C-alpha atoms as a PDB file:
ATOM      1  CA  MET A   1      71.308 -32.543 -29.298  1.00  0.00           C
ATOM      2  CA  ARG A   2      70.793 -33.389 -25.653  1.00  0.00           C
ATOM      3  CA  GLY A   3      68.540 -33.274 -22.664  1.00  0.00           C
ATOM      4  CA  LYS A   4      64.785 -32.957 -23.013  1.00  0.00           C
ATOM      5  CA  GLU A   5      64.970 -32.430 -26.781  1.00  0.00           C
ATOM      6  CA  LEU A   6      66.785 -35.745 -27.259  1.00  0.00           C
ATOM      7  CA  ASP A   7      64.339 -37.497 -24.918  1.00  0.00           C
ATOM      8  CA  ILE A   8      61.427 -36.326 -27.070  1.00  0.00           C
ATOM      9  CA  ILE A   9      63.097 -37.498 -30.294  1.00  0.00           C
ATOM     10  CA  VAL A  10      63.918 -40.911 -28.790  1.00  0.00           C
ATOM     11  CA  GLU A  11      60.336 -41.304 -27.554  1.00  0.00           C
ATOM     12  CA  LYS A  12      58.898 -40.424 -30.980  1.00  0.00           C
ATOM     13  CA  GLU A  13      61.268 -42.840 -32.706  1.00  0.00           C
ATOM     14  CA  LEU A  14      60.290 -45.648 -30.334  1.00  0.00           C
ATOM     15  CA  GLN A  15      56.617 -44.943 -31.033  1.00  0.00           C
ATOM     16  CA  LEU A  16      57.290 -45.168 -34.776  1.00  0.00           C
ATOM     17  CA  MET A  17      59.084 -48.477 -34.255  1.00  0.00           C
ATOM     18  CA  LEU A  18      56.049 -49.815 -32.385  1.00  0.00           C
ATOM     19  CA  ILE A  19      53.742 -48.758 -35.208  1.00  0.00           C
ATOM     20  CA  GLU A  20      55.998 -50.393 -37.818  1.00  0.00           C
ATOM     21  CA  GLY A  21      55.903 -53.648 -35.887  1.00  0.00           C
ATOM     22  CA  PHE A  22      58.532 -55.946 -34.442  1.00  0.00           C
ATOM     23  CA  GLU A  23      59.147 -57.816 -37.716  1.00  0.00           C
ATOM     24  CA  LYS A  24      60.149 -54.640 -39.576  1.00  0.00           C
ATOM     25  CA  SER A  25      61.626 -52.676 -36.674  1.00  0.00           C
ATOM     26  CA  PRO A  26      62.778 -54.801 -33.744  1.00  0.00           C
ATOM     27  CA  ILE A  27      63.222 -52.619 -30.691  1.00  0.00           C
ATOM     28  CA  SER A  28      66.737 -52.786 -29.297  1.00  0.00           C
ATOM     29  CA  HIS A  29      69.381 -50.309 -28.210  1.00  0.00           C
ATOM     30  CA  LYS A  30      71.334 -50.981 -31.403  1.00  0.00           C
ATOM     31  CA  SER A  31      68.410 -50.565 -33.806  1.00  0.00           C
ATOM     32  CA  LEU A  32      67.289 -47.341 -32.100  1.00  0.00           C
ATOM     33  CA  TYR A  33      70.857 -45.996 -32.182  1.00  0.00           C
ATOM     34  CA  ASP A  34      71.208 -46.897 -35.886  1.00  0.00           C
ATOM     35  CA  ARG A  35      67.929 -45.148 -36.733  1.00  0.00           C
ATOM     36  CA  LEU A  36      68.898 -41.981 -34.850  1.00  0.00           C
ATOM     37  CA  ILE A  37      72.297 -41.914 -36.592  1.00  0.00           C
ATOM     38  CA  LYS A  38      70.718 -42.517 -40.026  1.00  0.00           C
ATOM     39  CA  LYS A  39      68.212 -39.690 -39.514  1.00  0.00           C
ATOM     40  CA  GLY A  40      70.957 -37.320 -38.351  1.00  0.00           C
ATOM     41  CA  PHE A  41      69.640 -36.785 -34.824  1.00  0.00           C
ATOM     42  CA  ILE A  42      72.895 -37.936 -33.234  1.00  0.00           C
ATOM     43  CA  HIS A  43      76.485 -38.141 -34.445  1.00  0.00           C
ATOM     44  CA  GLY A  44      79.371 -40.287 -33.289  1.00  0.00           C
ATOM     45  CA  SER A  45      79.245 -42.840 -30.531  1.00  0.00           C
ATOM     46  CA  LEU A  46      77.367 -42.920 -27.265  1.00  0.00           C
END
């Protein structure tokens, strides 16, 4: 997955993290990356 499609998925995931709150889902590069890997949106390393 790449380009605009990946941008949309990242944006949606960040919005979900905001809704969940900082205590449950701290927003960082690492936590976003881990969530995208866990959900199968990306594979391997960046």
